[in-house]
């Protein structure tokens, strides 16, 4: 399953007063329950990428940094705790794109 949830205006940084990303994420997972085997993310801006850049810039591995993101937390709540990092653009602390895939433990 590939979901793009943006509750923040990318130009102004203002967050939605109506939509809550965590609630929407869990509603989507519940609605499609059993209909997918993984949750894929492509981060090219926003809090996930910011967190990855902060942590990898401090020396943390990319995989560990990904596990500290909002999306990892939400995927984990839904039982998708395994993470595989895919294609990336950039270097530690300066990524401009990171692709991740979360799966259930077997």
PDB file of N, CA and C in Angstrom:
ATOM      1  N   UNK A   1       0.844  -1.163   0.000  1.00  0.00           N
ATOM      2  CA  UNK A   1       0.000   0.000   0.000  1.00  0.00           C
ATOM      3  C   UNK A   1       0.894   1.231   0.000  1.00  0.00           C
ATOM      4  N   UNK A   2       0.611   2.173  -0.851  1.00  0.00           N
ATOM      5  CA  UNK A   2       1.333   3.431  -0.912  1.00  0.00           C
ATOM      6  C   UNK A   2       0.353   4.541  -0.573  1.00  0.00           C
ATOM      7  N   UNK A   3       0.655   5.295   0.470  1.00  0.00           N
ATOM      8  CA  UNK A   3      -0.222   6.373   0.923  1.00  0.00           C
ATOM      9  C   UNK A   3       0.586   7.650   1.015  1.00  0.00           C
ATOM     10  N   UNK A   4       0.019   8.730   0.528  1.00  0.00           N
ATOM     11  CA  UNK A   4       0.668  10.036   0.649  1.00  0.00           C
ATOM     12  C   UNK A   4      -0.242  10.910   1.498  1.00  0.00           C
ATOM     13  N   UNK A   5       0.157  11.129   2.738  1.00  0.00           N
ATOM     14  CA  UNK A   5      -0.615  11.972   3.648  1.00  0.00           C
ATOM     15  C   UNK A   5       0.197  13.227   3.931  1.00  0.00           C
ATOM     16  N   UNK A   6      -0.339  14.353   3.553  1.00  0.00           N
ATOM     17  CA  UNK A   6       0.307  15.622   3.848  1.00  0.00           C
ATOM     18  C   UNK A   6      -0.706  16.500   4.556  1.00  0.00           C
ATOM     19  N   UNK A   7      -0.462  16.790   5.812  1.00  0.00           N
ATOM     20  CA  UNK A   7      -1.375  17.646   6.579  1.00  0.00           C
ATOM     21  C   UNK A   7      -0.727  18.991   6.870  1.00  0.00           C
ATOM     22  N   UNK A   8       0.296  19.286   6.097  1.00  0.00           N
ATOM     23  CA  UNK A   8       1.045  20.534   6.270  1.00  0.00           C
ATOM     24  C   UNK A   8       1.198  21.193   4.910  1.00  0.00           C
ATOM     25  N   UNK A   9       0.969  22.497   4.857  1.00  0.00           N
ATOM     26  CA  UNK A   9       1.178  23.245   3.631  1.00  0.00           C
ATOM     27  C   UNK A   9       2.680  23.302   3.375  1.00  0.00           C
ATOM     28  N   UNK A  10       3.124  22.749   2.257  1.00  0.00           N
ATOM     29  CA  UNK A  10       4.552  22.648   1.984  1.00  0.00           C
ATOM     30  C   UNK A  10       5.202  24.007   1.732  1.00  0.00           C
ATOM     31  N   UNK A  11       4.405  25.003   1.347  1.00  0.00           N
ATOM     32  CA  UNK A  11       4.965  26.335   1.093  1.00  0.00           C
ATOM     33  C   UNK A  11       5.058  27.170   2.371  1.00  0.00           C
ATOM     34  N   UNK A  12       4.005  27.114   3.202  1.00  0.00           N
ATOM     35  CA  UNK A  12       3.972  27.971   4.393  1.00  0.00           C
ATOM     36  C   UNK A  12       4.363  27.247   5.674  1.00  0.00           C
ATOM     37  N   UNK A  13       4.268  25.910   5.671  1.00  0.00           N
ATOM     38  CA  UNK A  13       4.566  25.142   6.872  1.00  0.00           C
ATOM     39  C   UNK A  13       3.383  25.011   7.812  1.00  0.00           C
ATOM     40  N   UNK A  14       2.269  25.671   7.488  1.00  0.00           N
ATOM     41  CA  UNK A  14       1.077  25.621   8.349  1.00  0.00           C
ATOM     42  C   UNK A  14       0.480  24.219   8.335  1.00  0.00           C
ATOM     43  N   UNK A  15       0.113  23.739   9.512  1.00  0.00           N
ATOM     44  CA  UNK A  15      -0.513  22.416   9.639  1.00  0.00           C
ATOM     45  C   UNK A  15      -2.027  22.547   9.586  1.00  0.00           C
ATOM     46  N   UNK A  16      -2.660  21.484   9.095  1.00  0.00           N
ATOM     47  CA  UNK A  16      -4.121  21.450   9.023  1.00  0.00           C
ATOM     48  C   UNK A  16      -4.706  21.467  10.423  1.00  0.00           C
ATOM     49  N   UNK A  17      -5.749  22.243  10.609  1.00  0.00           N
ATOM     50  CA  UNK A  17      -6.462  22.258  11.878  1.00  0.00           C
ATOM     51  C   UNK A  17      -7.547  21.203  11.920  1.00  0.00           C
ATOM     52  N   UNK A  18      -7.783  20.543  10.798  1.00  0.00           N
ATOM     53  CA  UNK A  18      -8.859  19.560  10.684  1.00  0.00           C
ATOM     54  C   UNK A  18      -8.316  18.139  10.612  1.00  0.00           C
ATOM     55  N   UNK A  19      -7.372  17.923   9.706  1.00  0.00           N
ATOM     56  CA  UNK A  19      -6.826  16.581   9.518  1.00  0.00           C
ATOM     57  C   UNK A  19      -5.721  16.287  10.517  1.00  0.00           C
ATOM     58  N   UNK A  20      -5.747  15.098  11.072  1.00  0.00           N
ATOM     59  CA  UNK A  20      -4.693  14.602  11.951  1.00  0.00           C
ATOM     60  C   UNK A  20      -4.082  13.402  11.256  1.00  0.00           C
ATOM     61  N   UNK A  21      -2.818  13.507  10.900  1.00  0.00           N
ATOM     62  CA  UNK A  21      -2.161  12.469  10.120  1.00  0.00           C
ATOM     63  C   UNK A  21      -2.268  11.085  10.721  1.00  0.00           C
ATOM     64  N   UNK A  22      -2.031  10.972  12.029  1.00  0.00           N
ATOM     65  CA  UNK A  22      -2.093   9.667  12.691  1.00  0.00           C
ATOM     66  C   UNK A  22      -3.467   9.031  12.605  1.00  0.00           C
ATOM     67  N   UNK A  23      -4.503   9.841  12.812  1.00  0.00           N
ATOM     68  CA  UNK A  23      -5.873   9.327  12.723  1.00  0.00           C
ATOM     69  C   UNK A  23      -6.184   8.865  11.305  1.00  0.00           C
ATOM     70  N   UNK A  24      -5.805   9.662  10.318  1.00  0.00           N
ATOM     71  CA  UNK A  24      -6.070   9.307   8.930  1.00  0.00           C
ATOM     72  C   UNK A  24      -5.313   8.038   8.533  1.00  0.00           C
ATOM     73  N   UNK A  25      -4.065   7.929   8.965  1.00  0.00           N
ATOM     74  CA  UNK A  25      -3.248   6.759   8.664  1.00  0.00           C
ATOM     75  C   UNK A  25      -3.930   5.502   9.203  1.00  0.00           C
ATOM     76  N   UNK A  26      -4.344   5.530  10.463  1.00  0.00           N
ATOM     77  CA  UNK A  26      -4.966   4.352  11.078  1.00  0.00           C
ATOM     78  C   UNK A  26      -6.308   4.021  10.432  1.00  0.00           C
ATOM     79  N   UNK A  27      -7.070   5.027  10.015  1.00  0.00           N
ATOM     80  CA  UNK A  27      -8.341   4.782   9.327  1.00  0.00           C
ATOM     81  C   UNK A  27      -8.107   4.098   7.988  1.00  0.00           C
ATOM     82  N   UNK A  28      -7.085   4.525   7.278  1.00  0.00           N
ATOM     83  CA  UNK A  28      -6.755   3.910   5.984  1.00  0.00           C
ATOM     84  C   UNK A  28      -6.348   2.453   6.191  1.00  0.00           C
ATOM     85  N   UNK A  29      -5.483   2.198   7.163  1.00  0.00           N
ATOM     86  CA  UNK A  29      -5.030   0.832   7.446  1.00  0.00           C
ATOM     87  C   UNK A  29      -6.228  -0.045   7.827  1.00  0.00           C
ATOM     88  N   UNK A  30      -7.106   0.465   8.658  1.00  0.00           N
ATOM     89  CA  UNK A  30      -8.275  -0.305   9.088  1.00  0.00           C
ATOM     90  C   UNK A  30      -9.199  -0.607   7.906  1.00  0.00           C
ATOM     91  N   UNK A  31      -9.428   0.376   7.052  1.00  0.00           N
ATOM     92  CA  UNK A  31     -10.322   0.204   5.911  1.00  0.00           C
ATOM     93  C   UNK A  31      -9.808  -0.882   4.966  1.00  0.00           C
ATOM     94  N   UNK A  32      -8.504  -0.897   4.700  1.00  0.00           N
ATOM     95  CA  UNK A  32      -7.917  -1.841   3.757  1.00  0.00           C
ATOM     96  C   UNK A  32      -7.334  -3.077   4.429  1.00  0.00           C
ATOM     97  N   UNK A  33      -7.610  -3.282   5.704  1.00  0.00           N
ATOM     98  CA  UNK A  33      -7.015  -4.376   6.474  1.00  0.00           C
ATOM     99  C   UNK A  33      -7.067  -5.702   5.711  1.00  0.00           C
ATOM    100  N   UNK A  34      -5.904  -6.344   5.627  1.00  0.00           N
ATOM    101  CA  UNK A  34      -5.814  -7.613   4.930  1.00  0.00           C
ATOM    102  C   UNK A  34      -5.632  -7.488   3.433  1.00  0.00           C
ATOM    103  N   UNK A  35      -5.772  -6.284   2.912  1.00  0.00           N
ATOM    104  CA  UNK A  35      -5.679  -6.090   1.473  1.00  0.00           C
ATOM    105  C   UNK A  35      -4.302  -5.662   0.991  1.00  0.00           C
ATOM    106  N   UNK A  36      -3.332  -5.639   1.873  1.00  0.00           N
ATOM    107  CA  UNK A  36      -1.978  -5.238   1.484  1.00  0.00           C
ATOM    108  C   UNK A  36      -0.972  -5.922   2.390  1.00  0.00           C
ATOM    109  N   UNK A  37       0.262  -6.024   1.902  1.00  0.00           N
ATOM    110  CA  UNK A  37       1.307  -6.719   2.643  1.00  0.00           C
ATOM    111  C   UNK A  37       2.425  -5.807   3.107  1.00  0.00           C
ATOM    112  N   UNK A  38       2.424  -4.566   2.641  1.00  0.00           N
ATOM    113  CA  UNK A  38       3.470  -3.640   3.056  1.00  0.00           C
ATOM    114  C   UNK A  38       2.972  -2.201   2.956  1.00  0.00           C
ATOM    115  N   UNK A  39       3.699  -1.332   3.614  1.00  0.00           N
ATOM    116  CA  UNK A  39       3.426   0.107   3.561  1.00  0.00           C
ATOM    117  C   UNK A  39       4.695   0.760   3.041  1.00  0.00           C
ATOM    118  N   UNK A  40       4.567   1.424   1.913  1.00  0.00           N
ATOM    119  CA  UNK A  40       5.718   2.019   1.261  1.00  0.00           C
ATOM    120  C   UNK A  40       5.645   3.536   1.420  1.00  0.00           C
ATOM    121  N   UNK A  41       6.790   4.125   1.674  1.00  0.00           N
ATOM    122  CA  UNK A  41       6.856   5.575   1.787  1.00  0.00           C
ATOM    123  C   UNK A  41       7.931   6.143   0.886  1.00  0.00           C
ATOM    124  N   UNK A  42       7.664   7.311   0.325  1.00  0.00           N
ATOM    125  CA  UNK A  42       8.658   8.067  -0.439  1.00  0.00           C
ATOM    126  C   UNK A  42       8.690   9.452   0.164  1.00  0.00           C
ATOM    127  N   UNK A  43       9.781   9.771   0.800  1.00  0.00           N
ATOM    128  CA  UNK A  43       9.887  11.052   1.492  1.00  0.00           C
ATOM    129  C   UNK A  43      10.773  11.989   0.692  1.00  0.00           C
ATOM    130  N   UNK A  44      10.217  13.091   0.287  1.00  0.00           N
ATOM    131  CA  UNK A  44      10.955  14.104  -0.466  1.00  0.00           C
ATOM    132  C   UNK A  44      10.870  15.466   0.214  1.00  0.00           C
ATOM    133  N   UNK A  45      10.109  15.514   1.315  1.00  0.00           N
ATOM    134  CA  UNK A  45      10.007  16.711   2.150  1.00  0.00           C
ATOM    135  C   UNK A  45       9.277  16.303   3.429  1.00  0.00           C
ATOM    136  N   UNK A  46       9.169  17.216   4.365  1.00  0.00           N
ATOM    137  CA  UNK A  46       8.365  16.972   5.552  1.00  0.00           C
ATOM    138  C   UNK A  46       9.123  16.420   6.741  1.00  0.00           C
ATOM    139  N   UNK A  47       8.342  16.080   7.770  1.00  0.00           N
ATOM    140  CA  UNK A  47       8.917  15.713   9.058  1.00  0.00           C
ATOM    141  C   UNK A  47       9.713  14.412   9.021  1.00  0.00           C
ATOM    142  N   UNK A  48       9.282  13.428   8.216  1.00  0.00           N
ATOM    143  CA  UNK A  48      10.036  12.173   8.131  1.00  0.00           C
ATOM    144  C   UNK A  48      11.437  12.415   7.597  1.00  0.00           C
ATOM    145  N   UNK A  49      11.520  13.132   6.485  1.00  0.00           N
ATOM    146  CA  UNK A  49      12.825  13.407   5.890  1.00  0.00           C
ATOM    147  C   UNK A  49      13.664  14.300   6.797  1.00  0.00           C
ATOM    148  N   UNK A  50      13.025  15.280   7.426  1.00  0.00           N
ATOM    149  CA  UNK A  50      13.747  16.144   8.372  1.00  0.00           C
ATOM    150  C   UNK A  50      14.365  15.328   9.493  1.00  0.00           C
ATOM    151  N   UNK A  51      13.594  14.390  10.041  1.00  0.00           N
ATOM    152  CA  UNK A  51      14.080  13.549  11.146  1.00  0.00           C
ATOM    153  C   UNK A  51      15.238  12.663  10.684  1.00  0.00           C
ATOM    154  N   UNK A  52      15.098  12.050   9.515  1.00  0.00           N
ATOM    155  CA  UNK A  52      16.157  11.208   8.970  1.00  0.00           C
ATOM    156  C   UNK A  52      17.432  12.027   8.788  1.00  0.00           C
ATOM    157  N   UNK A  53      17.309  13.226   8.233  1.00  0.00           N
ATOM    158  CA  UNK A  53      18.492  14.061   8.021  1.00  0.00           C
ATOM    159  C   UNK A  53      19.132  14.500   9.330  1.00  0.00           C
ATOM    160  N   UNK A  54      18.321  14.827  10.316  1.00  0.00           N
ATOM    161  CA  UNK A  54      18.860  15.219  11.619  1.00  0.00           C
ATOM    162  C   UNK A  54      19.661  14.070  12.217  1.00  0.00           C
ATOM    163  N   UNK A  55      19.053  12.880  12.249  1.00  0.00           N
ATOM    164  CA  UNK A  55      19.687  11.733  12.908  1.00  0.00           C
ATOM    165  C   UNK A  55      20.894  11.201  12.142  1.00  0.00           C
ATOM    166  N   UNK A  56      20.789  11.110  10.814  1.00  0.00           N
ATOM    167  CA  UNK A  56      21.943  10.627  10.049  1.00  0.00           C
ATOM    168  C   UNK A  56      23.065  11.662  10.055  1.00  0.00           C
ATOM    169  N   UNK A  57      22.708  12.931  10.148  1.00  0.00           N
ATOM    170  CA  UNK A  57      23.721  13.980  10.260  1.00  0.00           C
ATOM    171  C   UNK A  57      24.488  13.899  11.570  1.00  0.00           C
ATOM    172  N   UNK A  58      23.853  13.289  12.579  1.00  0.00           N
ATOM    173  CA  UNK A  58      24.492  13.089  13.887  1.00  0.00           C
ATOM    174  C   UNK A  58      25.227  11.756  13.958  1.00  0.00           C
ATOM    175  N   UNK A  59      25.219  10.995  12.856  1.00  0.00           N
ATOM    176  CA  UNK A  59      25.971   9.746  12.807  1.00  0.00           C
ATOM    177  C   UNK A  59      25.159   8.467  12.897  1.00  0.00           C
ATOM    178  N   UNK A  60      23.844   8.553  13.069  1.00  0.00           N
ATOM    179  CA  UNK A  60      23.016   7.352  13.139  1.00  0.00           C
ATOM    180  C   UNK A  60      22.906   6.736  11.754  1.00  0.00           C
ATOM    181  N   UNK A  61      22.798   5.415  11.698  1.00  0.00           N
ATOM    182  CA  UNK A  61      22.619   4.742  10.407  1.00  0.00           C
ATOM    183  C   UNK A  61      21.265   5.124   9.813  1.00  0.00           C
ATOM    184  N   UNK A  62      21.162   5.038   8.509  1.00  0.00           N
ATOM    185  CA  UNK A  62      19.918   5.390   7.832  1.00  0.00           C
ATOM    186  C   UNK A  62      18.772   4.500   8.289  1.00  0.00           C
ATOM    187  N   UNK A  63      19.010   3.199   8.377  1.00  0.00           N
ATOM    188  CA  UNK A  63      17.939   2.282   8.786  1.00  0.00           C
ATOM    189  C   UNK A  63      17.441   2.600  10.200  1.00  0.00           C
ATOM    190  N   UNK A  64      18.347   2.872  11.123  1.00  0.00           N
ATOM    191  CA  UNK A  64      17.935   3.219  12.487  1.00  0.00           C
ATOM    192  C   UNK A  64      17.184   4.541  12.506  1.00  0.00           C
ATOM    193  N   UNK A  65      17.637   5.499  11.716  1.00  0.00           N
ATOM    194  CA  UNK A  65      16.967   6.804  11.651  1.00  0.00           C
ATOM    195  C   UNK A  65      15.547   6.662  11.119  1.00  0.00           C
ATOM    196  N   UNK A  66      15.371   5.836  10.102  1.00  0.00           N
ATOM    197  CA  UNK A  66      14.038   5.605   9.536  1.00  0.00           C
ATOM    198  C   UNK A  66      13.099   5.056  10.604  1.00  0.00           C
ATOM    199  N   UNK A  67      13.614   4.187  11.473  1.00  0.00           N
ATOM    200  CA  UNK A  67      12.794   3.590  12.530  1.00  0.00           C
ATOM    201  C   UNK A  67      12.345   4.607  13.583  1.00  0.00           C
ATOM    202  N   UNK A  68      12.941   5.790  13.574  1.00  0.00           N
ATOM    203  CA  UNK A  68      12.595   6.839  14.538  1.00  0.00           C
ATOM    204  C   UNK A  68      11.580   7.844  13.984  1.00  0.00           C
ATOM    205  N   UNK A  69      11.078   7.614  12.769  1.00  0.00           N
ATOM    206  CA  UNK A  69      10.183   8.575  12.128  1.00  0.00           C
ATOM    207  C   UNK A  69       8.717   8.372  12.505  1.00  0.00           C
ATOM    208  N   UNK A  70       7.933   9.376  12.169  1.00  0.00           N
ATOM    209  CA  UNK A  70       6.481   9.338  12.391  1.00  0.00           C
ATOM    210  C   UNK A  70       5.861   8.162  11.641  1.00  0.00           C
ATOM    211  N   UNK A  71       6.250   7.978  10.381  1.00  0.00           N
ATOM    212  CA  UNK A  71       5.672   6.896   9.595  1.00  0.00           C
ATOM    213  C   UNK A  71       6.017   5.540  10.189  1.00  0.00           C
ATOM    214  N   UNK A  72       7.231   5.358  10.668  1.00  0.00           N
ATOM    215  CA  UNK A  72       7.615   4.096  11.308  1.00  0.00           C
ATOM    216  C   UNK A  72       6.747   3.849  12.535  1.00  0.00           C
ATOM    217  N   UNK A  73       6.483   4.892  13.297  1.00  0.00           N
ATOM    218  CA  UNK A  73       5.622   4.756  14.479  1.00  0.00           C
ATOM    219  C   UNK A  73       4.214   4.326  14.075  1.00  0.00           C
ATOM    220  N   UNK A  74       3.655   4.976  13.062  1.00  0.00           N
ATOM    221  CA  UNK A  74       2.297   4.650  12.619  1.00  0.00           C
ATOM    222  C   UNK A  74       2.234   3.245  12.017  1.00  0.00           C
ATOM    223  N   UNK A  75       3.227   2.891  11.194  1.00  0.00           N
ATOM    224  CA  UNK A  75       3.260   1.550  10.604  1.00  0.00           C
ATOM    225  C   UNK A  75       3.398   0.498  11.696  1.00  0.00           C
ATOM    226  N   UNK A  76       4.227   0.780  12.696  1.00  0.00           N
ATOM    227  CA  UNK A  76       4.409  -0.146  13.813  1.00  0.00           C
ATOM    228  C   UNK A  76       3.126  -0.390  14.579  1.00  0.00           C
ATOM    229  N   UNK A  77       2.337   0.661  14.783  1.00  0.00           N
ATOM    230  CA  UNK A  77       1.040   0.519  15.467  1.00  0.00           C
ATOM    231  C   UNK A  77       0.119  -0.429  14.703  1.00  0.00           C
ATOM    232  N   UNK A  78       0.306  -0.486  13.388  1.00  0.00           N
ATOM    233  CA  UNK A  78      -0.520  -1.355  12.546  1.00  0.00           C
ATOM    234  C   UNK A  78       0.124  -2.731  12.351  1.00  0.00           C
ATOM    235  N   UNK A  79       1.265  -2.984  13.014  1.00  0.00           N
ATOM    236  CA  UNK A  79       1.913  -4.287  12.942  1.00  0.00           C
ATOM    237  C   UNK A  79       2.999  -4.406  11.889  1.00  0.00           C
ATOM    238  N   UNK A  80       3.319  -3.305  11.215  1.00  0.00           N
ATOM    239  CA  UNK A  80       4.332  -3.319  10.159  1.00  0.00           C
ATOM    240  C   UNK A  80       5.629  -2.752  10.731  1.00  0.00           C
ATOM    241  N   UNK A  81       6.412  -3.632  11.350  1.00  0.00           N
ATOM    242  CA  UNK A  81       7.589  -3.185  12.102  1.00  0.00           C
ATOM    243  C   UNK A  81       8.919  -3.435  11.409  1.00  0.00           C
ATOM    244  N   UNK A  82       8.937  -4.258  10.374  1.00  0.00           N
ATOM    245  CA  UNK A  82      10.177  -4.478   9.609  1.00  0.00           C
ATOM    246  C   UNK A  82      10.326  -3.348   8.607  1.00  0.00           C
ATOM    247  N   UNK A  83      11.530  -2.824   8.486  1.00  0.00           N
ATOM    248  CA  UNK A  83      11.753  -1.745   7.527  1.00  0.00           C
ATOM    249  C   UNK A  83      12.902  -2.089   6.595  1.00  0.00           C
ATOM    250  N   UNK A  84      12.714  -1.776   5.340  1.00  0.00           N
ATOM    251  CA  UNK A  84      13.775  -1.916   4.348  1.00  0.00           C
ATOM    252  C   UNK A  84      13.889  -0.570   3.644  1.00  0.00           C
ATOM    253  N   UNK A  85      15.097  -0.038   3.630  1.00  0.00           N
ATOM    254  CA  UNK A  85      15.348   1.226   2.945  1.00  0.00           C
ATOM    255  C   UNK A  85      15.630   0.921   1.485  1.00  0.00           C
ATOM    256  N   UNK A  86      14.958   1.645   0.610  1.00  0.00           N
ATOM    257  CA  UNK A  86      15.149   1.461  -0.825  1.00  0.00           C
ATOM    258  C   UNK A  86      16.024   2.563  -1.401  1.00  0.00           C
ATOM    259  N   UNK A  87      15.590   3.114  -2.495  1.00  0.00           N
ATOM    260  CA  UNK A  87      16.353   4.139  -3.206  1.00  0.00           C
ATOM    261  C   UNK A  87      16.454   5.424  -2.382  1.00  0.00           C
ATOM    262  N   UNK A  88      17.628   6.006  -2.371  1.00  0.00           N
ATOM    263  CA  UNK A  88      17.848   7.281  -1.696  1.00  0.00           C
ATOM    264  C   UNK A  88      18.568   8.236  -2.644  1.00  0.00           C
ATOM    265  N   UNK A  89      18.367   9.517  -2.389  1.00  0.00           N
ATOM    266  CA  UNK A  89      19.093  10.553  -3.105  1.00  0.00           C
ATOM    267  C   UNK A  89      19.710  11.453  -2.046  1.00  0.00           C
ATOM    268  N   UNK A  90      21.011  11.637  -2.108  1.00  0.00           N
ATOM    269  CA  UNK A  90      21.701  12.468  -1.136  1.00  0.00           C
ATOM    270  C   UNK A  90      22.655  11.667  -0.285  1.00  0.00           C
ATOM    271  N   UNK A  91      23.132  12.311   0.768  1.00  0.00           N
ATOM    272  CA  UNK A  91      24.089  11.710   1.679  1.00  0.00           C
ATOM    273  C   UNK A  91      23.597  11.924   3.108  1.00  0.00           C
ATOM    274  N   UNK A  92      24.152  11.188   4.076  1.00  0.00           N
ATOM    275  CA  UNK A  92      23.702  11.347   5.463  1.00  0.00           C
ATOM    276  C   UNK A  92      23.650  12.815   5.893  1.00  0.00           C
ATOM    277  N   UNK A  93      22.496  13.184   6.421  1.00  0.00           N
ATOM    278  CA  UNK A  93      22.267  14.557   6.860  1.00  0.00           C
ATOM    279  C   UNK A  93      21.776  15.474   5.753  1.00  0.00           C
ATOM    280  N   UNK A  94      21.852  14.988   4.501  1.00  0.00           N
ATOM    281  CA  UNK A  94      21.476  15.832   3.366  1.00  0.00           C
ATOM    282  C   UNK A  94      20.661  15.070   2.316  1.00  0.00           C
ATOM    283  N   UNK A  95      19.842  14.129   2.766  1.00  0.00           N
ATOM    284  CA  UNK A  95      19.007  13.390   1.822  1.00  0.00           C
ATOM    285  C   UNK A  95      17.918  14.308   1.268  1.00  0.00           C
ATOM    286  N   UNK A  96      17.641  14.140  -0.019  1.00  0.00           N
ATOM    287  CA  UNK A  96      16.532  14.872  -0.640  1.00  0.00           C
ATOM    288  C   UNK A  96      15.386  13.935  -0.981  1.00  0.00           C
ATOM    289  N   UNK A  97      15.636  12.633  -0.895  1.00  0.00           N
ATOM    290  CA  UNK A  97      14.595  11.636  -1.145  1.00  0.00           C
ATOM    291  C   UNK A  97      15.012  10.316  -0.495  1.00  0.00           C
ATOM    292  N   UNK A  98      14.053   9.691   0.181  1.00  0.00           N
ATOM    293  CA  UNK A  98      14.292   8.384   0.809  1.00  0.00           C
ATOM    294  C   UNK A  98      13.052   7.531   0.574  1.00  0.00           C
ATOM    295  N   UNK A  99      13.258   6.314   0.090  1.00  0.00           N
ATOM    296  CA  UNK A  99      12.170   5.368  -0.115  1.00  0.00           C
ATOM    297  C   UNK A  99      12.271   4.271   0.935  1.00  0.00           C
ATOM    298  N   UNK A 100      11.157   3.954   1.574  1.00  0.00           N
ATOM    299  CA  UNK A 100      11.141   2.926   2.615  1.00  0.00           C
ATOM    300  C   UNK A 100       9.979   1.972   2.391  1.00  0.00           C
ATOM    301  N   UNK A 101      10.105   0.775   2.949  1.00  0.00           N
ATOM    302  CA  UNK A 101       9.044  -0.217   2.862  1.00  0.00           C
ATOM    303  C   UNK A 101       8.927  -0.916   4.211  1.00  0.00           C
ATOM    304  N   UNK A 102       7.749  -0.865   4.799  1.00  0.00           N
ATOM    305  CA  UNK A 102       7.484  -1.507   6.088  1.00  0.00           C
ATOM    306  C   UNK A 102       6.653  -2.750   5.861  1.00  0.00           C
ATOM    307  N   UNK A 103       7.068  -3.872   6.487  1.00  0.00           N
ATOM    308  CA  UNK A 103       6.340  -5.130   6.380  1.00  0.00           C
ATOM    309  C   UNK A 103       6.109  -5.714   7.767  1.00  0.00           C
ATOM    310  N   UNK A 104       5.219  -6.685   7.817  1.00  0.00           N
ATOM    311  CA  UNK A 104       4.943  -7.379   9.081  1.00  0.00           C
ATOM    312  C   UNK A 104       6.046  -8.387   9.357  1.00  0.00           C
ATOM    313  N   UNK A 105       6.293  -8.639  10.629  1.00  0.00           N
ATOM    314  CA  UNK A 105       7.239  -9.696  11.000  1.00  0.00           C
ATOM    315  C   UNK A 105       6.594 -11.030  10.718  1.00  0.00           C
ATOM    316  N   UNK A 106       7.408 -11.963  10.219  1.00  0.00           N
ATOM    317  CA  UNK A 106       6.864 -13.290   9.888  1.00  0.00           C
ATOM    318  C   UNK A 106       6.972 -14.209  11.062  1.00  0.00           C
TER     319      UNK A 106
END
